[in-house]
Amino acid sequence: MHGSWKFYRKDGSLMRNGKFRLGKQIGIWTTYDRVGHPHKETDFGS
């Protein structure tokens, strides 16, 4: 995996987005609640 990715729940709502570099998560990843509001941010560094 490489580049920007978005992961969705079975109901179609956005669950998480962020970036991969050579298969590893990098930068800020944002997790969203079921109505689309940001719930949590995780920093994986660069």
N, C-alpha and C. Protein backbone atom coordinates (compact mmCIF):
# COMPACT_ATOMS: atom_id res chain seq x y z
N MET A 1 0.85 -1.17 0.00
CA MET A 1 0.00 0.00 0.00
C MET A 1 0.89 1.24 0.00
N HIS A 2 0.48 2.22 -0.77
CA HIS A 2 1.27 3.44 -0.87
C HIS A 2 0.35 4.59 -1.29
N GLY A 3 0.50 5.74 -0.65
CA GLY A 3 -0.31 6.90 -0.98
C GLY A 3 -1.50 7.05 -0.05
N SER A 4 -2.42 7.91 -0.44
CA SER A 4 -3.61 8.21 0.37
C SER A 4 -4.62 7.07 0.30
N TRP A 5 -5.20 6.75 1.46
CA TRP A 5 -6.20 5.68 1.54
C TRP A 5 -7.37 6.15 2.38
N LYS A 6 -8.55 5.60 2.04
CA LYS A 6 -9.77 5.81 2.83
C LYS A 6 -10.38 4.44 3.09
N PHE A 7 -10.84 4.24 4.32
CA PHE A 7 -11.50 3.00 4.70
C PHE A 7 -12.93 3.33 5.08
N TYR A 8 -13.87 2.50 4.60
CA TYR A 8 -15.29 2.74 4.82
C TYR A 8 -15.91 1.59 5.60
N ARG A 9 -16.96 1.91 6.36
CA ARG A 9 -17.74 0.89 7.05
C ARG A 9 -18.67 0.19 6.06
N LYS A 10 -19.24 -0.91 6.49
CA LYS A 10 -20.18 -1.65 5.63
C LYS A 10 -21.37 -0.80 5.22
N ASP A 11 -21.75 0.19 6.07
CA ASP A 11 -22.89 1.04 5.74
C ASP A 11 -22.51 2.16 4.77
N GLY A 12 -21.21 2.22 4.38
CA GLY A 12 -20.76 3.21 3.41
C GLY A 12 -20.19 4.48 4.01
N SER A 13 -20.27 4.64 5.33
CA SER A 13 -19.73 5.84 5.96
C SER A 13 -18.21 5.74 6.08
N LEU A 14 -17.56 6.89 5.96
CA LEU A 14 -16.10 6.95 6.07
C LEU A 14 -15.68 6.63 7.49
N MET A 15 -14.77 5.68 7.63
CA MET A 15 -14.30 5.28 8.95
C MET A 15 -12.95 5.91 9.28
N ARG A 16 -12.01 5.91 8.31
CA ARG A 16 -10.65 6.37 8.59
C ARG A 16 -9.97 6.77 7.30
N ASN A 17 -9.10 7.76 7.37
CA ASN A 17 -8.29 8.09 6.21
C ASN A 17 -6.90 8.55 6.66
N GLY A 18 -5.95 8.37 5.74
CA GLY A 18 -4.56 8.74 6.00
C GLY A 18 -3.69 8.28 4.85
N LYS A 19 -2.38 8.21 5.10
CA LYS A 19 -1.43 7.85 4.05
C LYS A 19 -0.55 6.68 4.47
N PHE A 20 -0.16 5.93 3.45
CA PHE A 20 0.81 4.85 3.62
C PHE A 20 2.07 5.19 2.82
N ARG A 21 3.19 4.75 3.31
CA ARG A 21 4.44 4.79 2.55
C ARG A 21 5.05 3.40 2.66
N LEU A 22 5.14 2.74 1.51
CA LEU A 22 5.73 1.40 1.45
C LEU A 22 5.10 0.44 2.46
N GLY A 23 3.77 0.51 2.58
CA GLY A 23 3.03 -0.42 3.42
C GLY A 23 2.90 -0.03 4.88
N LYS A 24 3.47 1.11 5.28
CA LYS A 24 3.37 1.55 6.68
C LYS A 24 2.61 2.87 6.77
N GLN A 25 1.78 2.97 7.82
CA GLN A 25 1.02 4.20 8.03
C GLN A 25 1.98 5.33 8.40
N ILE A 26 1.73 6.51 7.79
CA ILE A 26 2.54 7.69 8.09
C ILE A 26 1.63 8.90 8.31
N GLY A 27 2.16 9.91 8.96
CA GLY A 27 1.42 11.16 9.13
C GLY A 27 0.22 11.02 10.03
N ILE A 28 -0.71 11.95 9.87
CA ILE A 28 -1.93 12.00 10.68
C ILE A 28 -3.01 11.14 10.04
N TRP A 29 -3.55 10.22 10.82
CA TRP A 29 -4.70 9.43 10.42
C TRP A 29 -5.90 9.91 11.23
N THR A 30 -7.02 10.11 10.55
CA THR A 30 -8.23 10.60 11.20
C THR A 30 -9.29 9.50 11.19
N THR A 31 -9.89 9.27 12.35
CA THR A 31 -11.00 8.32 12.50
C THR A 31 -12.28 9.14 12.67
N TYR A 32 -13.35 8.73 11.99
CA TYR A 32 -14.61 9.48 11.98
C TYR A 32 -15.71 8.68 12.65
N ASP A 33 -16.66 9.40 13.26
CA ASP A 33 -17.85 8.73 13.79
C ASP A 33 -18.80 8.42 12.63
N ARG A 34 -19.90 7.77 12.95
CA ARG A 34 -20.80 7.31 11.88
C ARG A 34 -21.50 8.42 11.11
N VAL A 35 -21.54 9.63 11.66
CA VAL A 35 -22.16 10.73 10.94
C VAL A 35 -21.14 11.61 10.21
N GLY A 36 -19.86 11.21 10.26
CA GLY A 36 -18.84 11.91 9.49
C GLY A 36 -18.02 12.94 10.22
N HIS A 37 -18.23 13.06 11.53
CA HIS A 37 -17.44 14.02 12.30
C HIS A 37 -16.12 13.39 12.75
N PRO A 38 -15.02 14.12 12.70
CA PRO A 38 -13.75 13.58 13.19
C PRO A 38 -13.87 13.19 14.66
N HIS A 39 -13.42 11.99 14.96
CA HIS A 39 -13.53 11.46 16.33
C HIS A 39 -12.16 11.41 17.00
N LYS A 40 -11.12 11.04 16.21
CA LYS A 40 -9.80 10.86 16.80
C LYS A 40 -8.74 11.07 15.72
N GLU A 41 -7.60 11.63 16.10
CA GLU A 41 -6.46 11.74 15.19
C GLU A 41 -5.27 11.04 15.82
N THR A 42 -4.57 10.27 15.00
CA THR A 42 -3.39 9.54 15.44
C THR A 42 -2.22 9.94 14.55
N ASP A 43 -1.10 10.30 15.16
CA ASP A 43 0.08 10.71 14.41
C ASP A 43 1.07 9.55 14.35
N PHE A 44 1.29 9.04 13.15
CA PHE A 44 2.23 7.94 12.93
C PHE A 44 3.61 8.43 12.55
N GLY A 45 3.84 9.74 12.54
CA GLY A 45 5.15 10.27 12.17
C GLY A 45 5.39 10.16 10.68
N SER A 46 6.64 10.37 10.28
CA SER A 46 6.93 10.34 8.85
C SER A 46 7.76 9.18 8.40
